[in-house]
Amino acid sequence: MKKLLIILCLVFFSGCQQVVQEDQSKPTTYTYITKVISEPPGARIEVDNDYIGDAPLEIKWDELSSKEEIHTVKAFPIYENNLVQFKVFFHRSIPKTIFFDMRLGPIPKQYEIDID
């Protein structure tokens, strides 16, 4: 009976080992990548008011380094008659691709016509 109790204790305690990470001082980081494309190519791209390059390019978002909850990606045109465009999104919903069509013009005014 004593041997059975010892065997049960050994089996129980050997199955309850805790898994410990080797280096717990470094938190796990996740990097998200967003492709930015513009038509025509070459639009100047800013992220949160910081210039990062000309499209096409990739933005690498580090979960720990990004402290802002809302991000703004702006595209500045290289040709006249094109307009500045921007996209706004939450950090928890980072898109995989952002497309800027720099050839788009302003939205025309909408008129309300009341016919009686």
N, C-alpha and C. Protein backbone atom coordinates (compact mmCIF):
# COMPACT_ATOMS: atom_id res chain seq x y z
N MET A 1 0.82 -1.19 0.00
CA MET A 1 0.00 0.00 0.00
C MET A 1 0.87 1.26 0.00
N LYS A 2 1.96 1.20 0.79
CA LYS A 2 2.85 2.34 0.88
C LYS A 2 3.53 2.60 -0.47
N LYS A 3 3.91 1.52 -1.17
CA LYS A 3 4.54 1.66 -2.49
C LYS A 3 3.55 2.26 -3.49
N LEU A 4 2.30 1.85 -3.42
CA LEU A 4 1.28 2.37 -4.32
C LEU A 4 1.09 3.86 -4.11
N LEU A 5 1.07 4.30 -2.85
CA LEU A 5 0.92 5.70 -2.52
C LEU A 5 2.10 6.52 -3.04
N ILE A 6 3.30 5.99 -2.90
CA ILE A 6 4.50 6.68 -3.39
C ILE A 6 4.47 6.79 -4.92
N ILE A 7 4.06 5.71 -5.58
CA ILE A 7 3.99 5.74 -7.05
C ILE A 7 2.95 6.76 -7.51
N LEU A 8 1.78 6.81 -6.86
CA LEU A 8 0.74 7.77 -7.22
C LEU A 8 1.23 9.21 -7.02
N CYS A 9 1.95 9.45 -5.94
CA CYS A 9 2.48 10.79 -5.69
C CYS A 9 3.50 11.19 -6.76
N LEU A 10 4.38 10.27 -7.13
CA LEU A 10 5.37 10.55 -8.16
C LEU A 10 4.71 10.85 -9.51
N VAL A 11 3.69 10.05 -9.87
CA VAL A 11 2.99 10.28 -11.13
C VAL A 11 2.27 11.61 -11.11
N PHE A 12 1.60 11.92 -10.00
CA PHE A 12 0.86 13.17 -9.89
C PHE A 12 1.78 14.38 -10.00
N PHE A 13 2.87 14.39 -9.23
CA PHE A 13 3.76 15.56 -9.22
C PHE A 13 4.60 15.67 -10.49
N SER A 14 4.88 14.56 -11.15
CA SER A 14 5.63 14.66 -12.40
C SER A 14 4.75 15.23 -13.52
N GLY A 15 3.44 15.02 -13.44
CA GLY A 15 2.52 15.56 -14.45
C GLY A 15 2.17 17.01 -14.21
N CYS A 16 2.54 17.60 -13.11
CA CYS A 16 2.18 18.99 -12.79
C CYS A 16 3.35 19.94 -12.92
N GLN A 17 4.27 19.66 -13.79
CA GLN A 17 5.40 20.57 -13.97
C GLN A 17 4.93 21.83 -14.69
N GLN A 18 5.46 22.94 -14.27
CA GLN A 18 5.09 24.21 -14.85
C GLN A 18 6.04 24.54 -16.00
N VAL A 19 5.48 24.96 -17.11
CA VAL A 19 6.30 25.34 -18.26
C VAL A 19 6.73 26.80 -18.05
N VAL A 20 8.03 27.04 -18.08
CA VAL A 20 8.57 28.37 -17.86
C VAL A 20 9.33 28.79 -19.11
N GLN A 21 9.09 30.01 -19.55
CA GLN A 21 9.85 30.52 -20.69
C GLN A 21 11.28 30.77 -20.24
N GLU A 22 12.19 30.65 -21.21
CA GLU A 22 13.59 30.85 -20.88
C GLU A 22 13.89 32.29 -20.47
N ASP A 23 13.35 33.23 -21.21
CA ASP A 23 13.60 34.63 -20.92
C ASP A 23 12.27 35.36 -20.77
N GLN A 24 11.83 35.53 -19.54
CA GLN A 24 10.54 36.17 -19.30
C GLN A 24 10.66 37.69 -19.24
N SER A 25 11.87 38.23 -19.28
CA SER A 25 12.04 39.68 -19.20
C SER A 25 11.62 40.36 -20.50
N LYS A 26 11.70 39.65 -21.64
CA LYS A 26 11.32 40.23 -22.92
C LYS A 26 9.88 39.85 -23.23
N PRO A 27 9.00 40.82 -23.38
CA PRO A 27 7.62 40.49 -23.75
C PRO A 27 7.55 40.06 -25.21
N THR A 28 6.54 39.30 -25.54
CA THR A 28 6.34 38.86 -26.91
C THR A 28 5.86 40.04 -27.74
N THR A 29 6.48 40.23 -28.90
CA THR A 29 6.07 41.31 -29.78
C THR A 29 5.52 40.73 -31.07
N TYR A 30 4.60 41.44 -31.66
CA TYR A 30 4.01 41.04 -32.93
C TYR A 30 4.23 42.18 -33.91
N THR A 31 4.63 41.84 -35.11
CA THR A 31 4.83 42.84 -36.14
C THR A 31 3.79 42.63 -37.23
N TYR A 32 3.07 43.68 -37.54
CA TYR A 32 2.08 43.65 -38.60
C TYR A 32 2.65 44.43 -39.78
N ILE A 33 2.37 43.96 -40.99
CA ILE A 33 2.88 44.61 -42.19
C ILE A 33 1.71 45.06 -43.04
N THR A 34 1.76 46.33 -43.46
CA THR A 34 0.74 46.90 -44.34
C THR A 34 1.42 47.35 -45.63
N LYS A 35 0.90 46.90 -46.77
CA LYS A 35 1.39 47.37 -48.06
C LYS A 35 0.62 48.63 -48.43
N VAL A 36 1.35 49.66 -48.86
CA VAL A 36 0.73 50.91 -49.31
C VAL A 36 1.02 51.06 -50.80
N ILE A 37 -0.06 51.19 -51.57
CA ILE A 37 0.05 51.29 -53.02
C ILE A 37 -0.66 52.57 -53.45
N SER A 38 -0.08 53.25 -54.43
CA SER A 38 -0.76 54.43 -54.98
C SER A 38 -0.80 54.31 -56.50
N GLU A 39 -1.81 54.93 -57.07
CA GLU A 39 -1.94 54.97 -58.52
C GLU A 39 -2.09 56.42 -58.92
N PRO A 40 -1.18 57.05 -59.59
CA PRO A 40 0.10 56.52 -60.06
C PRO A 40 1.09 56.36 -58.90
N PRO A 41 2.08 55.48 -59.08
CA PRO A 41 3.07 55.26 -58.03
C PRO A 41 3.87 56.53 -57.72
N GLY A 42 4.40 56.59 -56.53
CA GLY A 42 5.28 57.70 -56.16
C GLY A 42 4.70 58.69 -55.18
N ALA A 43 3.47 58.45 -54.72
CA ALA A 43 2.87 59.39 -53.76
C ALA A 43 3.69 59.39 -52.47
N ARG A 44 3.83 60.57 -51.89
CA ARG A 44 4.58 60.73 -50.62
C ARG A 44 3.68 60.23 -49.49
N ILE A 45 4.18 59.31 -48.67
CA ILE A 45 3.37 58.68 -47.62
C ILE A 45 3.86 59.13 -46.25
N GLU A 46 2.90 59.56 -45.43
CA GLU A 46 3.17 59.90 -44.03
C GLU A 46 2.30 59.04 -43.13
N VAL A 47 2.88 58.58 -42.03
CA VAL A 47 2.14 57.83 -41.02
C VAL A 47 2.20 58.63 -39.73
N ASP A 48 1.05 58.99 -39.21
CA ASP A 48 0.96 59.80 -37.98
C ASP A 48 1.85 61.03 -38.07
N ASN A 49 1.80 61.71 -39.23
CA ASN A 49 2.53 62.94 -39.52
C ASN A 49 4.05 62.76 -39.62
N ASP A 50 4.51 61.54 -39.82
CA ASP A 50 5.94 61.27 -40.04
C ASP A 50 6.13 60.70 -41.44
N TYR A 51 7.00 61.32 -42.23
CA TYR A 51 7.28 60.84 -43.58
C TYR A 51 8.00 59.50 -43.49
N ILE A 52 7.51 58.50 -44.25
CA ILE A 52 8.16 57.19 -44.23
C ILE A 52 8.66 56.75 -45.60
N GLY A 53 8.23 57.42 -46.67
CA GLY A 53 8.72 57.05 -48.00
C GLY A 53 7.69 57.31 -49.07
N ASP A 54 8.02 56.87 -50.28
CA ASP A 54 7.13 57.02 -51.42
C ASP A 54 6.54 55.67 -51.79
N ALA A 55 5.26 55.69 -52.17
CA ALA A 55 4.57 54.45 -52.52
C ALA A 55 5.11 53.91 -53.84
N PRO A 56 5.17 52.61 -54.01
CA PRO A 56 4.72 51.55 -53.10
C PRO A 56 5.75 51.28 -52.01
N LEU A 57 5.25 50.94 -50.84
CA LEU A 57 6.13 50.63 -49.70
C LEU A 57 5.38 49.75 -48.71
N GLU A 58 6.09 49.31 -47.68
CA GLU A 58 5.49 48.52 -46.60
C GLU A 58 5.69 49.24 -45.28
N ILE A 59 4.65 49.24 -44.46
CA ILE A 59 4.72 49.80 -43.11
C ILE A 59 4.80 48.62 -42.15
N LYS A 60 5.78 48.65 -41.27
CA LYS A 60 5.89 47.60 -40.25
C LYS A 60 5.44 48.18 -38.92
N TRP A 61 4.37 47.62 -38.39
CA TRP A 61 3.80 48.09 -37.13
C TRP A 61 4.27 47.15 -36.03
N ASP A 62 4.95 47.67 -35.04
CA ASP A 62 5.36 46.89 -33.88
C ASP A 62 4.35 47.16 -32.78
N GLU A 63 3.78 46.08 -32.24
CA GLU A 63 2.72 46.22 -31.25
C GLU A 63 3.16 47.00 -30.02
N LEU A 64 4.41 46.84 -29.61
CA LEU A 64 4.87 47.52 -28.40
C LEU A 64 5.28 48.95 -28.66
N SER A 65 5.81 49.23 -29.85
CA SER A 65 6.29 50.59 -30.10
C SER A 65 5.16 51.53 -30.48
N SER A 66 4.04 50.98 -30.90
CA SER A 66 2.91 51.82 -31.29
C SER A 66 2.05 52.11 -30.09
N LYS A 67 2.13 53.31 -29.58
CA LYS A 67 1.39 53.69 -28.38
C LYS A 67 0.07 54.37 -28.72
N GLU A 68 -0.09 54.79 -29.96
CA GLU A 68 -1.31 55.48 -30.34
C GLU A 68 -2.40 54.47 -30.67
N GLU A 69 -3.62 54.80 -30.31
CA GLU A 69 -4.75 53.93 -30.57
C GLU A 69 -5.29 54.14 -31.98
N ILE A 70 -5.21 55.37 -32.50
CA ILE A 70 -5.71 55.68 -33.83
C ILE A 70 -4.54 56.12 -34.71
N HIS A 71 -4.50 55.60 -35.94
CA HIS A 71 -3.42 55.93 -36.87
C HIS A 71 -3.99 56.62 -38.10
N THR A 72 -3.19 57.52 -38.67
CA THR A 72 -3.55 58.21 -39.90
C THR A 72 -2.44 57.99 -40.91
N VAL A 73 -2.82 57.52 -42.10
CA VAL A 73 -1.88 57.35 -43.20
C VAL A 73 -2.30 58.33 -44.29
N LYS A 74 -1.39 59.25 -44.65
CA LYS A 74 -1.69 60.27 -45.67
C LYS A 74 -0.85 60.02 -46.91
N ALA A 75 -1.46 60.34 -48.06
CA ALA A 75 -0.77 60.25 -49.35
C ALA A 75 -0.82 61.62 -50.01
N PHE A 76 0.36 62.15 -50.33
CA PHE A 76 0.47 63.44 -50.99
C PHE A 76 0.81 63.21 -52.46
N PRO A 77 0.06 63.84 -53.38
CA PRO A 77 0.25 63.58 -54.81
C PRO A 77 1.54 64.17 -55.35
N ILE A 78 1.95 63.62 -56.48
CA ILE A 78 3.15 64.13 -57.15
C ILE A 78 2.78 64.97 -58.37
N TYR A 79 1.52 64.92 -58.79
CA TYR A 79 1.06 65.69 -59.95
C TYR A 79 0.04 66.74 -59.52
N GLU A 80 -0.03 67.80 -60.32
CA GLU A 80 -1.06 68.81 -60.06
C GLU A 80 -2.43 68.21 -60.35
N ASN A 81 -3.45 68.86 -59.84
CA ASN A 81 -4.84 68.43 -60.00
C ASN A 81 -5.17 67.15 -59.23
N ASN A 82 -4.23 66.61 -58.47
CA ASN A 82 -4.52 65.48 -57.60
C ASN A 82 -4.70 66.01 -56.19
N LEU A 83 -5.41 65.28 -55.37
CA LEU A 83 -5.72 65.73 -54.02
C LEU A 83 -5.03 64.87 -52.96
N VAL A 84 -4.75 65.47 -51.80
CA VAL A 84 -4.21 64.73 -50.67
C VAL A 84 -5.31 63.79 -50.17
N GLN A 85 -4.93 62.57 -49.88
CA GLN A 85 -5.88 61.58 -49.36
C GLN A 85 -5.35 61.02 -48.07
N PHE A 86 -6.27 60.53 -47.22
CA PHE A 86 -5.82 59.91 -45.97
C PHE A 86 -6.77 58.80 -45.56
N LYS A 87 -6.25 57.88 -44.78
CA LYS A 87 -7.02 56.78 -44.21
C LYS A 87 -6.79 56.80 -42.71
N VAL A 88 -7.85 56.58 -41.95
CA VAL A 88 -7.78 56.56 -40.49
C VAL A 88 -8.30 55.21 -40.01
N PHE A 89 -7.58 54.59 -39.06
CA PHE A 89 -8.02 53.30 -38.53
C PHE A 89 -7.49 53.10 -37.12
N PHE A 90 -8.10 52.18 -36.41
CA PHE A 90 -7.66 51.84 -35.06
C PHE A 90 -6.49 50.87 -35.12
N HIS A 91 -5.64 50.91 -34.11
CA HIS A 91 -4.47 50.03 -34.08
C HIS A 91 -4.88 48.56 -34.05
N ARG A 92 -6.00 48.27 -33.43
CA ARG A 92 -6.42 46.87 -33.33
C ARG A 92 -7.00 46.34 -34.65
N SER A 93 -7.17 47.22 -35.64
CA SER A 93 -7.70 46.79 -36.94
C SER A 93 -6.78 47.26 -38.07
N ILE A 94 -5.53 46.93 -37.99
CA ILE A 94 -4.54 47.34 -38.99
C ILE A 94 -4.82 46.61 -40.30
N PRO A 95 -4.98 47.36 -41.41
CA PRO A 95 -5.25 46.70 -42.70
C PRO A 95 -3.99 46.08 -43.29
N LYS A 96 -4.17 45.08 -44.15
CA LYS A 96 -3.03 44.45 -44.81
C LYS A 96 -2.58 45.26 -46.03
N THR A 97 -3.53 45.98 -46.65
CA THR A 97 -3.22 46.78 -47.84
C THR A 97 -3.99 48.09 -47.78
N ILE A 98 -3.32 49.17 -48.16
CA ILE A 98 -3.96 50.47 -48.30
C ILE A 98 -3.70 50.94 -49.72
N PHE A 99 -4.78 51.30 -50.42
CA PHE A 99 -4.67 51.76 -51.80
C PHE A 99 -5.14 53.20 -51.90
N PHE A 100 -4.31 54.03 -52.50
CA PHE A 100 -4.67 55.43 -52.75
C PHE A 100 -4.75 55.63 -54.26
N ASP A 101 -5.93 56.02 -54.75
CA ASP A 101 -6.07 56.38 -56.17
C ASP A 101 -5.98 57.89 -56.25
N MET A 102 -4.81 58.38 -56.60
CA MET A 102 -4.55 59.81 -56.58
C MET A 102 -5.26 60.55 -57.70
N ARG A 103 -5.86 59.83 -58.64
CA ARG A 103 -6.55 60.46 -59.76
C ARG A 103 -7.97 60.87 -59.40
N LEU A 104 -8.45 60.52 -58.22
CA LEU A 104 -9.81 60.86 -57.82
C LEU A 104 -9.94 62.36 -57.59
N GLY A 105 -11.09 62.88 -57.92
CA GLY A 105 -11.35 64.31 -57.73
C GLY A 105 -12.28 64.52 -56.55
N PRO A 106 -12.63 65.77 -56.29
CA PRO A 106 -13.53 66.05 -55.18
C PRO A 106 -14.94 65.51 -55.46
N ILE A 107 -15.66 65.24 -54.42
CA ILE A 107 -17.03 64.75 -54.54
C ILE A 107 -17.91 65.92 -54.97
N PRO A 108 -18.72 65.73 -56.02
CA PRO A 108 -19.58 66.83 -56.45
C PRO A 108 -20.66 67.12 -55.42
N LYS A 109 -21.11 68.36 -55.42
CA LYS A 109 -22.17 68.75 -54.48
C LYS A 109 -23.44 67.99 -54.81
N GLN A 110 -24.16 67.64 -53.76
CA GLN A 110 -25.45 67.00 -53.96
C GLN A 110 -26.53 68.05 -53.75
N TYR A 111 -27.47 68.05 -54.62
CA TYR A 111 -28.56 69.02 -54.55
C TYR A 111 -29.84 68.31 -54.12
N GLU A 112 -30.56 68.97 -53.25
CA GLU A 112 -31.85 68.46 -52.86
C GLU A 112 -32.92 69.22 -53.63
N ILE A 113 -33.73 68.49 -54.35
CA ILE A 113 -34.79 69.12 -55.12
C ILE A 113 -36.11 68.69 -54.51
N ASP A 114 -36.89 69.66 -54.11
CA ASP A 114 -38.19 69.39 -53.49
C ASP A 114 -39.27 69.69 -54.53
N ILE A 115 -39.90 68.64 -55.00
CA ILE A 115 -40.97 68.80 -55.99
C ILE A 115 -42.29 68.53 -55.31
N ASP A 116 -43.15 69.52 -55.36
CA ASP A 116 -44.48 69.35 -54.74
C ASP A 116 -45.50 68.94 -55.76
